[in-house]
Amino acid sequence: VFYCAASRAINSQFICFDEVNRYHYWGRGTQV
C-alpha cells in the first residue's frame, strides 16, 4: 500500500525527510 504524507517540519519548504515521524498528515493509501 502506497501512502502520500505531508510534513511541516522545520525547512520543509526547502528539504524533505525519509522518517515516518516527520510527517503530520497522511492519505488513506492506494494498493499496488
PDB file of all heavy atoms in Angstrom:
ATOM      1  N   VAL A   1       0.872  -1.170   0.000  1.00  0.00           N
ATOM      2  CA  VAL A   1       0.000   0.000   0.000  1.00  0.00           C
ATOM      3  C   VAL A   1       0.910   1.220   0.000  1.00  0.00           C
ATOM      4  O   VAL A   1       1.827   1.316   0.819  1.00  0.00           O
ATOM      5  CB  VAL A   1      -0.929   0.022   1.227  1.00  0.00           C
ATOM      6  CG1 VAL A   1      -1.793   1.277   1.202  1.00  0.00           C
ATOM      7  CG2 VAL A   1      -1.806  -1.230   1.254  1.00  0.00           C
ATOM      8  N   PHE A   2       0.674   2.116  -0.950  1.00  0.00           N
ATOM      9  CA  PHE A   2       1.477   3.327  -1.069  1.00  0.00           C
ATOM     10  C   PHE A   2       0.692   4.499  -0.483  1.00  0.00           C
ATOM     11  O   PHE A   2      -0.492   4.689  -0.794  1.00  0.00           O
ATOM     12  CB  PHE A   2       1.821   3.589  -2.539  1.00  0.00           C
ATOM     13  CG  PHE A   2       2.947   2.734  -3.031  1.00  0.00           C
ATOM     14  CD1 PHE A   2       2.765   1.377  -3.267  1.00  0.00           C
ATOM     15  CD2 PHE A   2       4.206   3.282  -3.273  1.00  0.00           C
ATOM     16  CE1 PHE A   2       3.815   0.582  -3.723  1.00  0.00           C
ATOM     17  CE2 PHE A   2       5.254   2.509  -3.728  1.00  0.00           C
ATOM     18  CZ  PHE A   2       5.068   1.155  -3.955  1.00  0.00           C
ATOM     19  N   TYR A   3       1.376   5.286   0.334  1.00  0.00           N
ATOM     20  CA  TYR A   3       0.773   6.430   1.009  1.00  0.00           C
ATOM     21  C   TYR A   3       1.522   7.712   0.647  1.00  0.00           C
ATOM     22  O   TYR A   3       2.759   7.692   0.523  1.00  0.00           O
ATOM     23  CB  TYR A   3       0.858   6.279   2.525  1.00  0.00           C
ATOM     24  CG  TYR A   3       0.161   5.074   3.103  1.00  0.00           C
ATOM     25  CD1 TYR A   3       0.832   3.863   3.239  1.00  0.00           C
ATOM     26  CD2 TYR A   3      -1.158   5.151   3.531  1.00  0.00           C
ATOM     27  CE1 TYR A   3       0.197   2.745   3.781  1.00  0.00           C
ATOM     28  CE2 TYR A   3      -1.797   4.044   4.075  1.00  0.00           C
ATOM     29  CZ  TYR A   3      -1.104   2.854   4.194  1.00  0.00           C
ATOM     30  OH  TYR A   3      -1.730   1.755   4.741  1.00  0.00           O
ATOM     31  N   CYS A   4       0.811   8.810   0.527  1.00  0.00           N
ATOM     32  CA  CYS A   4       1.483  10.105   0.495  1.00  0.00           C
ATOM     33  C   CYS A   4       1.237  10.793   1.826  1.00  0.00           C
ATOM     34  O   CYS A   4       0.230  10.548   2.506  1.00  0.00           O
ATOM     35  CB  CYS A   4       1.055  10.962  -0.687  1.00  0.00           C
ATOM     36  SG  CYS A   4      -0.623  11.580  -0.646  1.00  0.00           S
ATOM     37  N   ALA A   5       2.189  11.628   2.216  1.00  0.00           N
ATOM     38  CA  ALA A   5       2.146  12.283   3.518  1.00  0.00           C
ATOM     39  C   ALA A   5       2.740  13.678   3.399  1.00  0.00           C
ATOM     40  O   ALA A   5       3.577  13.928   2.532  1.00  0.00           O
ATOM     41  CB  ALA A   5       2.920  11.458   4.547  1.00  0.00           C
ATOM     42  N   ALA A   6       2.317  14.561   4.297  1.00  0.00           N
ATOM     43  CA  ALA A   6       2.773  15.953   4.269  1.00  0.00           C
ATOM     44  C   ALA A   6       3.457  16.306   5.581  1.00  0.00           C
ATOM     45  O   ALA A   6       3.007  15.913   6.662  1.00  0.00           O
ATOM     46  CB  ALA A   6       1.581  16.885   4.029  1.00  0.00           C
ATOM     47  N   SER A   7       4.530  17.063   5.469  1.00  0.00           N
ATOM     48  CA  SER A   7       5.313  17.466   6.636  1.00  0.00           C
ATOM     49  C   SER A   7       5.439  18.978   6.708  1.00  0.00           C
ATOM     50  O   SER A   7       5.735  19.626   5.708  1.00  0.00           O
ATOM     51  CB  SER A   7       6.716  16.854   6.562  1.00  0.00           C
ATOM     52  OG  SER A   7       7.538  17.371   7.589  1.00  0.00           O
ATOM     53  N   ARG A   8       5.247  19.518   7.929  1.00  0.00           N
ATOM     54  CA  ARG A   8       5.513  20.926   8.194  1.00  0.00           C
ATOM     55  C   ARG A   8       6.714  21.081   9.120  1.00  0.00           C
ATOM     56  O   ARG A   8       6.844  22.077   9.810  1.00  0.00           O
ATOM     57  CB  ARG A   8       4.293  21.600   8.831  1.00  0.00           C
ATOM     58  CG  ARG A   8       3.233  22.033   7.862  1.00  0.00           C
ATOM     59  CD  ARG A   8       3.689  23.116   6.905  1.00  0.00           C
ATOM     60  NE  ARG A   8       4.154  24.327   7.560  1.00  0.00           N
ATOM     61  CZ  ARG A   8       3.364  25.312   7.947  1.00  0.00           C
ATOM     62  NH1 ARG A   8       2.069  25.217   7.786  1.00  0.00           N
ATOM     63  NH2 ARG A   8       3.878  26.389   8.501  1.00  0.00           N
ATOM     64  N   ALA A   9       7.608  20.100   9.110  1.00  0.00           N
ATOM     65  CA  ALA A   9       8.819  20.198   9.934  1.00  0.00           C
ATOM     66  C   ALA A   9       9.649  21.395   9.480  1.00  0.00           C
ATOM     67  O   ALA A   9       9.461  21.916   8.383  1.00  0.00           O
ATOM     68  CB  ALA A   9       9.625  18.910   9.835  1.00  0.00           C
ATOM     69  N   ILE A  10      10.591  21.789  10.313  1.00  0.00           N
ATOM     70  CA  ILE A  10      11.431  22.947  10.013  1.00  0.00           C
ATOM     71  C   ILE A  10      12.087  22.773   8.640  1.00  0.00           C
ATOM     72  O   ILE A  10      12.611  21.704   8.317  1.00  0.00           O
ATOM     73  CB  ILE A  10      12.499  23.119  11.104  1.00  0.00           C
ATOM     74  CG1 ILE A  10      11.818  23.514  12.419  1.00  0.00           C
ATOM     75  CG2 ILE A  10      13.531  24.166  10.716  1.00  0.00           C
ATOM     76  CD1 ILE A  10      12.770  23.587  13.591  1.00  0.00           C
ATOM     77  N   ASN A  11      12.039  23.825   7.839  1.00  0.00           N
ATOM     78  CA  ASN A  11      12.641  23.852   6.496  1.00  0.00           C
ATOM     79  C   ASN A  11      11.952  22.955   5.480  1.00  0.00           C
ATOM     80  O   ASN A  11      12.530  22.644   4.435  1.00  0.00           O
ATOM     81  CB  ASN A  11      14.130  23.506   6.548  1.00  0.00           C
ATOM     82  CG  ASN A  11      14.943  24.590   7.218  1.00  0.00           C
ATOM     83  OD1 ASN A  11      14.593  25.771   7.144  1.00  0.00           O
ATOM     84  ND2 ASN A  11      16.010  24.210   7.878  1.00  0.00           N
ATOM     85  N   SER A  12      10.719  22.527   5.772  1.00  0.00           N
ATOM     86  CA  SER A  12      10.025  21.635   4.843  1.00  0.00           C
ATOM     87  C   SER A  12       9.783  22.289   3.487  1.00  0.00           C
ATOM     88  O   SER A  12       9.497  21.603   2.510  1.00  0.00           O
ATOM     89  CB  SER A  12       8.702  21.174   5.445  1.00  0.00           C
ATOM     90  OG  SER A  12       7.862  22.269   5.745  1.00  0.00           O
ATOM     91  N   GLN A  13       9.856  23.603   3.417  1.00  0.00           N
ATOM     92  CA  GLN A  13       9.710  24.265   2.117  1.00  0.00           C
ATOM     93  C   GLN A  13      10.937  24.001   1.233  1.00  0.00           C
ATOM     94  O   GLN A  13      10.833  24.037   0.009  1.00  0.00           O
ATOM     95  CB  GLN A  13       9.533  25.767   2.296  1.00  0.00           C
ATOM     96  CG  GLN A  13       9.158  26.484   1.012  1.00  0.00           C
ATOM     97  CD  GLN A  13       8.767  27.925   1.231  1.00  0.00           C
ATOM     98  OE1 GLN A  13       8.724  28.401   2.358  1.00  0.00           O
ATOM     99  NE2 GLN A  13       8.476  28.626   0.146  1.00  0.00           N
ATOM    100  N   PHE A  14      12.077  23.669   1.845  1.00  0.00           N
ATOM    101  CA  PHE A  14      13.323  23.556   1.089  1.00  0.00           C
ATOM    102  C   PHE A  14      13.928  22.150   1.096  1.00  0.00           C
ATOM    103  O   PHE A  14      14.778  21.844   0.266  1.00  0.00           O
ATOM    104  CB  PHE A  14      14.338  24.550   1.651  1.00  0.00           C
ATOM    105  CG  PHE A  14      13.793  25.936   1.737  1.00  0.00           C
ATOM    106  CD1 PHE A  14      13.526  26.518   2.966  1.00  0.00           C
ATOM    107  CD2 PHE A  14      13.523  26.664   0.592  1.00  0.00           C
ATOM    108  CE1 PHE A  14      13.004  27.789   3.058  1.00  0.00           C
ATOM    109  CE2 PHE A  14      13.003  27.945   0.669  1.00  0.00           C
ATOM    110  CZ  PHE A  14      12.742  28.514   1.908  1.00  0.00           C
ATOM    111  N   ILE A  15      13.556  21.326   2.029  1.00  0.00           N
ATOM    112  CA  ILE A  15      14.071  19.961   2.102  1.00  0.00           C
ATOM    113  C   ILE A  15      12.919  19.021   2.403  1.00  0.00           C
ATOM    114  O   ILE A  15      11.819  19.465   2.744  1.00  0.00           O
ATOM    115  CB  ILE A  15      15.166  19.800   3.187  1.00  0.00           C
ATOM    116  CG1 ILE A  15      14.599  20.146   4.572  1.00  0.00           C
ATOM    117  CG2 ILE A  15      16.382  20.651   2.865  1.00  0.00           C
ATOM    118  CD1 ILE A  15      15.566  19.882   5.708  1.00  0.00           C
ATOM    119  N   CYS A  16      13.172  17.718   2.267  1.00  0.00           N
ATOM    120  CA  CYS A  16      12.167  16.733   2.660  1.00  0.00           C
ATOM    121  C   CYS A  16      12.830  15.658   3.523  1.00  0.00           C
ATOM    122  O   CYS A  16      14.036  15.712   3.753  1.00  0.00           O
ATOM    123  CB  CYS A  16      11.463  16.136   1.443  1.00  0.00           C
ATOM    124  SG  CYS A  16      12.519  15.193   0.330  1.00  0.00           S
ATOM    125  N   PHE A  17      12.059  14.698   3.980  1.00  0.00           N
ATOM    126  CA  PHE A  17      12.515  13.789   5.029  1.00  0.00           C
ATOM    127  C   PHE A  17      12.103  12.358   4.724  1.00  0.00           C
ATOM    128  O   PHE A  17      11.065  12.123   4.112  1.00  0.00           O
ATOM    129  CB  PHE A  17      11.905  14.208   6.376  1.00  0.00           C
ATOM    130  CG  PHE A  17      11.888  15.694   6.582  1.00  0.00           C
ATOM    131  CD1 PHE A  17      10.744  16.427   6.309  1.00  0.00           C
ATOM    132  CD2 PHE A  17      13.018  16.362   7.013  1.00  0.00           C
ATOM    133  CE1 PHE A  17      10.714  17.791   6.470  1.00  0.00           C
ATOM    134  CE2 PHE A  17      13.007  17.736   7.178  1.00  0.00           C
ATOM    135  CZ  PHE A  17      11.856  18.453   6.909  1.00  0.00           C
ATOM    136  N   ASP A  18      12.898  11.385   5.181  1.00  0.00           N
ATOM    137  CA  ASP A  18      12.516   9.994   4.959  1.00  0.00           C
ATOM    138  C   ASP A  18      12.019   9.301   6.228  1.00  0.00           C
ATOM    139  O   ASP A  18      11.758   8.112   6.216  1.00  0.00           O
ATOM    140  CB  ASP A  18      13.653   9.194   4.329  1.00  0.00           C
ATOM    141  CG  ASP A  18      14.912   9.188   5.174  1.00  0.00           C
ATOM    142  OD1 ASP A  18      14.865   9.675   6.331  1.00  0.00           O
ATOM    143  OD2 ASP A  18      15.937   8.694   4.690  1.00  0.00           O
ATOM    144  N   GLU A  19      11.897  10.074   7.319  1.00  0.00           N
ATOM    145  CA  GLU A  19      11.399   9.466   8.558  1.00  0.00           C
ATOM    146  C   GLU A  19       9.889   9.592   8.642  1.00  0.00           C
ATOM    147  O   GLU A  19       9.341  10.691   8.458  1.00  0.00           O
ATOM    148  CB  GLU A  19      12.017  10.146   9.779  1.00  0.00           C
ATOM    149  CG  GLU A  19      13.528  10.047   9.835  1.00  0.00           C
ATOM    150  CD  GLU A  19      14.205  11.271   9.257  1.00  0.00           C
ATOM    151  OE1 GLU A  19      13.538  12.008   8.473  1.00  0.00           O
ATOM    152  OE2 GLU A  19      15.382  11.493   9.554  1.00  0.00           O
ATOM    153  N   VAL A  20       9.225   8.501   8.960  1.00  0.00           N
ATOM    154  CA  VAL A  20       7.768   8.498   9.078  1.00  0.00           C
ATOM    155  C   VAL A  20       7.308   9.536  10.094  1.00  0.00           C
ATOM    156  O   VAL A  20       6.312  10.240   9.868  1.00  0.00           O
ATOM    157  CB  VAL A  20       7.274   7.090   9.481  1.00  0.00           C
ATOM    158  CG1 VAL A  20       5.802   7.106   9.855  1.00  0.00           C
ATOM    159  CG2 VAL A  20       7.521   6.094   8.354  1.00  0.00           C
ATOM    160  N   ASN A  21       8.020   9.670  11.200  1.00  0.00           N
ATOM    161  CA  ASN A  21       7.552  10.536  12.280  1.00  0.00           C
ATOM    162  C   ASN A  21       7.744  12.024  11.995  1.00  0.00           C
ATOM    163  O   ASN A  21       7.387  12.865  12.824  1.00  0.00           O
ATOM    164  CB  ASN A  21       8.203  10.151  13.608  1.00  0.00           C
ATOM    165  CG  ASN A  21       9.715  10.290  13.577  1.00  0.00           C
ATOM    166  OD1 ASN A  21      10.281  10.826  12.634  1.00  0.00           O
ATOM    167  ND2 ASN A  21      10.367   9.794  14.609  1.00  0.00           N
ATOM    168  N   ARG A  22       8.298  12.376  10.843  1.00  0.00           N
ATOM    169  CA  ARG A  22       8.401  13.783  10.459  1.00  0.00           C
ATOM    170  C   ARG A  22       7.132  14.274   9.744  1.00  0.00           C
ATOM    171  O   ARG A  22       7.021  15.443   9.455  1.00  0.00           O
ATOM    172  CB  ARG A  22       9.576  13.980   9.525  1.00  0.00           C
ATOM    173  CG  ARG A  22      10.924  13.738  10.149  1.00  0.00           C
ATOM    174  CD  ARG A  22      11.377  14.881  11.031  1.00  0.00           C
ATOM    175  NE  ARG A  22      12.816  14.815  11.259  1.00  0.00           N
ATOM    176  CZ  ARG A  22      13.672  15.733  10.866  1.00  0.00           C
ATOM    177  NH1 ARG A  22      13.256  16.821  10.236  1.00  0.00           N
ATOM    178  NH2 ARG A  22      14.955  15.581  11.104  1.00  0.00           N
ATOM    179  N   TYR A  23       6.234  13.359   9.450  1.00  0.00           N
ATOM    180  CA  TYR A  23       5.062  13.694   8.639  1.00  0.00           C
ATOM    181  C   TYR A  23       3.814  13.760   9.506  1.00  0.00           C
ATOM    182  O   TYR A  23       3.589  12.908  10.371  1.00  0.00           O
ATOM    183  CB  TYR A  23       4.903  12.674   7.502  1.00  0.00           C
ATOM    184  CG  TYR A  23       5.971  12.871   6.459  1.00  0.00           C
ATOM    185  CD1 TYR A  23       7.244  12.306   6.627  1.00  0.00           C
ATOM    186  CD2 TYR A  23       5.745  13.666   5.336  1.00  0.00           C
ATOM    187  CE1 TYR A  23       8.244  12.529   5.702  1.00  0.00           C
ATOM    188  CE2 TYR A  23       6.737  13.887   4.400  1.00  0.00           C
ATOM    189  CZ  TYR A  23       7.988  13.317   4.595  1.00  0.00           C
ATOM    190  OH  TYR A  23       8.975  13.546   3.678  1.00  0.00           O
ATOM    191  N   HIS A  24       3.020  14.797   9.260  1.00  0.00           N
ATOM    192  CA  HIS A  24       1.901  15.111  10.137  1.00  0.00           C
ATOM    193  C   HIS A  24       0.549  14.730   9.562  1.00  0.00           C
ATOM    194  O   HIS A  24      -0.409  14.558  10.304  1.00  0.00           O
ATOM    195  CB  HIS A  24       1.909  16.627  10.428  1.00  0.00           C
ATOM    196  CG  HIS A  24       3.227  17.113  10.936  1.00  0.00           C
ATOM    197  ND1 HIS A  24       4.210  17.623  10.110  1.00  0.00           N
ATOM    198  CD2 HIS A  24       3.741  17.144  12.185  1.00  0.00           C
ATOM    199  CE1 HIS A  24       5.262  17.969  10.837  1.00  0.00           C
ATOM    200  NE2 HIS A  24       5.009  17.683  12.092  1.00  0.00           N
ATOM    201  N   TYR A  25       0.469  14.625   8.243  1.00  0.00           N
ATOM    202  CA  TYR A  25      -0.807  14.317   7.602  1.00  0.00           C
ATOM    203  C   TYR A  25      -0.584  13.176   6.619  1.00  0.00           C
ATOM    204  O   TYR A  25       0.419  13.154   5.898  1.00  0.00           O
ATOM    205  CB  TYR A  25      -1.356  15.536   6.855  1.00  0.00           C
ATOM    206  CG  TYR A  25      -1.572  16.738   7.739  1.00  0.00           C
ATOM    207  CD1 TYR A  25      -0.617  17.745   7.820  1.00  0.00           C
ATOM    208  CD2 TYR A  25      -2.728  16.850   8.498  1.00  0.00           C
ATOM    209  CE1 TYR A  25      -0.819  18.844   8.635  1.00  0.00           C
ATOM    210  CE2 TYR A  25      -2.933  17.954   9.319  1.00  0.00           C
ATOM    211  CZ  TYR A  25      -1.970  18.935   9.380  1.00  0.00           C
ATOM    212  OH  TYR A  25      -2.179  20.019  10.194  1.00  0.00           O
ATOM    213  N   TRP A  26      -1.547  12.278   6.571  1.00  0.00           N
ATOM    214  CA  TRP A  26      -1.430  11.074   5.741  1.00  0.00           C
ATOM    215  C   TRP A  26      -2.707  10.842   4.951  1.00  0.00           C
ATOM    216  O   TRP A  26      -3.809  11.100   5.430  1.00  0.00           O
ATOM    217  CB  TRP A  26      -1.182   9.842   6.617  1.00  0.00           C
ATOM    218  CG  TRP A  26       0.159   9.840   7.271  1.00  0.00           C
ATOM    219  CD1 TRP A  26       0.513  10.492   8.421  1.00  0.00           C
ATOM    220  CD2 TRP A  26       1.336   9.182   6.803  1.00  0.00           C
ATOM    221  NE1 TRP A  26       1.837  10.268   8.693  1.00  0.00           N
ATOM    222  CE2 TRP A  26       2.375   9.459   7.726  1.00  0.00           C
ATOM    223  CE3 TRP A  26       1.617   8.373   5.703  1.00  0.00           C
ATOM    224  CZ2 TRP A  26       3.669   8.958   7.571  1.00  0.00           C
ATOM    225  CZ3 TRP A  26       2.893   7.876   5.553  1.00  0.00           C
ATOM    226  CH2 TRP A  26       3.906   8.168   6.478  1.00  0.00           C
ATOM    227  N   GLY A  27      -2.520  10.332   3.733  1.00  0.00           N
ATOM    228  CA  GLY A  27      -3.659   9.851   2.971  1.00  0.00           C
ATOM    229  C   GLY A  27      -4.018   8.443   3.401  1.00  0.00           C
ATOM    230  O   GLY A  27      -3.352   7.849   4.254  1.00  0.00           O
ATOM    231  N   ARG A  28      -5.057   7.891   2.781  1.00  0.00           N
ATOM    232  CA  ARG A  28      -5.518   6.548   3.145  1.00  0.00           C
ATOM    233  C   ARG A  28      -4.783   5.445   2.397  1.00  0.00           C
ATOM    234  O   ARG A  28      -4.911   4.273   2.744  1.00  0.00           O
ATOM    235  CB  ARG A  28      -7.015   6.426   2.891  1.00  0.00           C
ATOM    236  CG  ARG A  28      -7.835   7.288   3.820  1.00  0.00           C
ATOM    237  CD  ARG A  28      -9.314   7.015   3.676  1.00  0.00           C
ATOM    238  NE  ARG A  28     -10.090   7.738   4.661  1.00  0.00           N
ATOM    239  CZ  ARG A  28     -11.399   7.628   4.810  1.00  0.00           C
ATOM    240  NH1 ARG A  28     -12.076   6.803   4.034  1.00  0.00           N
ATOM    241  NH2 ARG A  28     -12.016   8.317   5.735  1.00  0.00           N
ATOM    242  N   GLY A  29      -4.054   5.801   1.378  1.00  0.00           N
ATOM    243  CA  GLY A  29      -3.260   4.817   0.665  1.00  0.00           C
ATOM    244  C   GLY A  29      -3.913   4.286  -0.597  1.00  0.00           C
ATOM    245  O   GLY A  29      -5.139   4.361  -0.765  1.00  0.00           O
ATOM    246  N   THR A  30      -3.078   3.751  -1.479  1.00  0.00           N
ATOM    247  CA  THR A  30      -3.545   3.103  -2.698  1.00  0.00           C
ATOM    248  C   THR A  30      -2.735   1.817  -2.884  1.00  0.00           C
ATOM    249  O   THR A  30      -1.513   1.815  -2.716  1.00  0.00           O
ATOM    250  CB  THR A  30      -3.426   4.044  -3.912  1.00  0.00           C
ATOM    251  OG1 THR A  30      -4.001   3.426  -5.062  1.00  0.00           O
ATOM    252  CG2 THR A  30      -1.990   4.447  -4.210  1.00  0.00           C
ATOM    253  N   GLN A  31      -3.434   0.729  -3.210  1.00  0.00           N
ATOM    254  CA  GLN A  31      -2.780  -0.580  -3.295  1.00  0.00           C
ATOM    255  C   GLN A  31      -2.075  -0.732  -4.639  1.00  0.00           C
ATOM    256  O   GLN A  31      -2.664  -0.483  -5.702  1.00  0.00           O
ATOM    257  CB  GLN A  31      -3.821  -1.695  -3.138  1.00  0.00           C
ATOM    258  CG  GLN A  31      -3.283  -3.103  -3.322  1.00  0.00           C
ATOM    259  CD  GLN A  31      -2.379  -3.541  -2.178  1.00  0.00           C
ATOM    260  OE1 GLN A  31      -2.710  -3.345  -1.014  1.00  0.00           O
ATOM    261  NE2 GLN A  31      -1.238  -4.142  -2.514  1.00  0.00           N
ATOM    262  N   VAL A  32      -0.831  -1.173  -4.570  1.00  0.00           N
ATOM    263  CA  VAL A  32      -0.067  -1.525  -5.770  1.00  0.00           C
ATOM    264  C   VAL A  32       0.285  -3.007  -5.661  1.00  0.00           C
ATOM    265  O   VAL A  32       0.904  -3.434  -4.681  1.00  0.00           O
ATOM    266  CB  VAL A  32       1.213  -0.684  -5.895  1.00  0.00           C
ATOM    267  CG1 VAL A  32       2.093  -1.221  -7.026  1.00  0.00           C
ATOM    268  CG2 VAL A  32       0.867   0.775  -6.132  1.00  0.00           C
TER     269      VAL A  32
END
